[in-house]
């Protein structure tokens, strides 16, 4: 987790948000990034539940 950096937060509506984290790779010849997008939905008791993730 220490290699991940915050990339963004998107409140899609009052019951759904997405959190984006990324790992930036700076090794010569392998430069790039890996982004993880975590989706959350509001539960019936106003908590947040993990709803899946996507990657690039």
N, C-alpha and C. Protein backbone atom coordinates (compact mmCIF):
# COMPACT_ATOMS: atom_id res chain seq x y z
N UNK A 1 0.81 -1.20 0.00
CA UNK A 1 0.00 0.00 0.00
C UNK A 1 0.86 1.27 0.00
N UNK A 2 2.07 1.21 0.53
CA UNK A 2 2.90 2.41 0.59
C UNK A 2 3.31 2.90 -0.79
N UNK A 3 3.21 2.05 -1.81
CA UNK A 3 3.57 2.45 -3.17
C UNK A 3 2.42 3.12 -3.91
N UNK A 4 1.21 3.10 -3.33
CA UNK A 4 0.06 3.70 -3.99
C UNK A 4 -0.05 5.18 -3.67
N UNK A 5 -0.51 5.95 -4.65
CA UNK A 5 -0.75 7.37 -4.43
C UNK A 5 -2.19 7.70 -4.78
N UNK A 6 -2.74 8.69 -4.10
CA UNK A 6 -4.10 9.14 -4.34
C UNK A 6 -4.20 9.77 -5.71
N UNK A 7 -5.21 9.37 -6.49
CA UNK A 7 -5.42 9.93 -7.82
C UNK A 7 -6.74 10.69 -7.95
N UNK A 8 -7.72 10.34 -7.12
CA UNK A 8 -8.97 11.06 -7.25
C UNK A 8 -10.11 10.45 -6.46
N UNK A 9 -11.17 11.25 -6.34
CA UNK A 9 -12.38 10.87 -5.65
C UNK A 9 -13.53 11.42 -6.47
N UNK A 10 -14.52 10.57 -6.76
CA UNK A 10 -15.64 11.01 -7.58
C UNK A 10 -16.93 10.61 -6.88
N UNK A 11 -17.66 11.61 -6.36
CA UNK A 11 -18.96 11.36 -5.73
C UNK A 11 -19.99 11.35 -6.84
N UNK A 12 -20.34 10.17 -7.35
CA UNK A 12 -21.24 10.05 -8.49
C UNK A 12 -22.66 10.51 -8.15
N UNK A 13 -23.11 10.19 -6.96
CA UNK A 13 -24.38 10.68 -6.41
C UNK A 13 -24.32 10.44 -4.91
N UNK A 14 -25.40 10.72 -4.19
CA UNK A 14 -25.34 10.64 -2.72
C UNK A 14 -25.15 9.21 -2.21
N UNK A 15 -25.35 8.22 -3.06
CA UNK A 15 -25.25 6.83 -2.65
C UNK A 15 -24.12 6.05 -3.31
N UNK A 16 -23.23 6.74 -4.03
CA UNK A 16 -22.19 6.02 -4.76
C UNK A 16 -20.97 6.91 -4.95
N UNK A 17 -19.78 6.37 -4.64
CA UNK A 17 -18.55 7.12 -4.93
C UNK A 17 -17.45 6.18 -5.40
N UNK A 18 -16.45 6.75 -6.04
CA UNK A 18 -15.31 6.01 -6.56
C UNK A 18 -14.03 6.65 -6.02
N UNK A 19 -13.11 5.82 -5.57
CA UNK A 19 -11.81 6.25 -5.08
C UNK A 19 -10.75 5.68 -6.02
N UNK A 20 -9.85 6.54 -6.52
CA UNK A 20 -8.82 6.11 -7.46
C UNK A 20 -7.44 6.21 -6.81
N UNK A 21 -6.68 5.13 -6.88
CA UNK A 21 -5.30 5.06 -6.40
C UNK A 21 -4.44 4.52 -7.53
N UNK A 22 -3.16 4.88 -7.53
CA UNK A 22 -2.28 4.42 -8.61
C UNK A 22 -0.89 4.10 -8.08
N UNK A 23 -0.22 3.21 -8.78
CA UNK A 23 1.19 2.94 -8.56
C UNK A 23 1.91 3.44 -9.80
N UNK A 24 2.86 4.34 -9.60
CA UNK A 24 3.63 4.89 -10.71
C UNK A 24 4.93 4.10 -10.81
N UNK A 25 5.22 3.63 -12.02
CA UNK A 25 6.43 2.82 -12.26
C UNK A 25 7.43 3.69 -13.03
N UNK A 26 8.61 3.87 -12.44
CA UNK A 26 9.63 4.74 -13.05
C UNK A 26 10.86 3.97 -13.50
N UNK A 27 10.82 2.64 -13.44
CA UNK A 27 11.95 1.83 -13.87
C UNK A 27 12.17 2.02 -15.37
N UNK A 28 13.39 2.35 -15.76
CA UNK A 28 13.69 2.60 -17.16
C UNK A 28 13.30 1.39 -18.01
N UNK A 29 12.54 1.65 -19.07
CA UNK A 29 12.06 0.60 -19.94
C UNK A 29 10.70 0.03 -19.55
N UNK A 30 10.26 0.34 -18.32
CA UNK A 30 8.96 -0.16 -17.84
C UNK A 30 8.11 0.97 -17.29
N UNK A 31 8.35 2.21 -17.72
CA UNK A 31 7.63 3.35 -17.20
C UNK A 31 6.13 3.23 -17.45
N UNK A 32 5.36 3.76 -16.53
CA UNK A 32 3.90 3.76 -16.69
C UNK A 32 3.22 3.83 -15.34
N UNK A 33 1.95 3.48 -15.32
CA UNK A 33 1.23 3.46 -14.06
C UNK A 33 0.16 2.38 -14.09
N UNK A 34 -0.23 1.98 -12.90
CA UNK A 34 -1.32 1.03 -12.71
C UNK A 34 -2.34 1.75 -11.84
N UNK A 35 -3.55 1.93 -12.35
CA UNK A 35 -4.57 2.64 -11.59
C UNK A 35 -5.64 1.66 -11.12
N UNK A 36 -6.06 1.83 -9.87
CA UNK A 36 -7.12 1.03 -9.27
C UNK A 36 -8.27 1.96 -8.92
N UNK A 37 -9.47 1.61 -9.37
CA UNK A 37 -10.67 2.40 -9.09
C UNK A 37 -11.60 1.56 -8.23
N UNK A 38 -11.80 1.99 -6.98
CA UNK A 38 -12.63 1.26 -6.03
C UNK A 38 -14.00 1.91 -5.95
N UNK A 39 -15.05 1.11 -6.13
CA UNK A 39 -16.42 1.61 -6.07
C UNK A 39 -17.06 1.26 -4.74
N UNK A 40 -17.82 2.21 -4.19
CA UNK A 40 -18.52 2.03 -2.92
C UNK A 40 -19.96 2.49 -3.07
N UNK A 41 -20.87 1.81 -2.36
CA UNK A 41 -22.28 2.20 -2.34
C UNK A 41 -22.71 2.35 -0.88
N UNK A 42 -23.68 3.24 -0.67
CA UNK A 42 -24.20 3.47 0.68
C UNK A 42 -25.11 2.31 1.08
N UNK A 43 -24.95 1.83 2.31
CA UNK A 43 -25.80 0.75 2.81
C UNK A 43 -27.08 1.33 3.41
N UNK A 44 -27.98 0.45 3.78
CA UNK A 44 -29.25 0.88 4.37
C UNK A 44 -29.07 1.61 5.71
N UNK A 45 -27.97 1.34 6.42
CA UNK A 45 -27.73 2.00 7.71
C UNK A 45 -26.73 3.16 7.58
N UNK A 46 -26.58 3.70 6.37
CA UNK A 46 -25.72 4.86 6.07
C UNK A 46 -24.22 4.59 6.12
N UNK A 47 -23.82 3.33 6.21
CA UNK A 47 -22.40 3.00 6.09
C UNK A 47 -22.06 2.85 4.61
N UNK A 48 -20.80 2.57 4.32
CA UNK A 48 -20.36 2.39 2.94
C UNK A 48 -19.91 0.96 2.72
N UNK A 49 -20.35 0.37 1.61
CA UNK A 49 -19.99 -1.00 1.27
C UNK A 49 -19.15 -1.04 -0.01
N UNK A 50 -18.12 -1.86 0.01
CA UNK A 50 -17.29 -2.06 -1.18
C UNK A 50 -18.15 -2.72 -2.26
N UNK A 51 -18.08 -2.19 -3.50
CA UNK A 51 -18.93 -2.67 -4.58
C UNK A 51 -18.12 -3.15 -5.78
N UNK A 52 -16.82 -3.34 -5.60
CA UNK A 52 -15.98 -3.83 -6.69
C UNK A 52 -14.93 -2.83 -7.10
N UNK A 53 -14.08 -3.23 -8.07
CA UNK A 53 -13.03 -2.35 -8.55
C UNK A 53 -12.73 -2.62 -10.01
N UNK A 54 -12.10 -1.65 -10.64
CA UNK A 54 -11.62 -1.80 -12.01
C UNK A 54 -10.17 -1.34 -12.05
N UNK A 55 -9.45 -1.78 -13.07
CA UNK A 55 -8.06 -1.36 -13.27
C UNK A 55 -7.89 -0.88 -14.70
N UNK A 56 -6.76 -0.24 -14.95
CA UNK A 56 -6.52 0.20 -16.33
C UNK A 56 -5.91 -0.90 -17.10
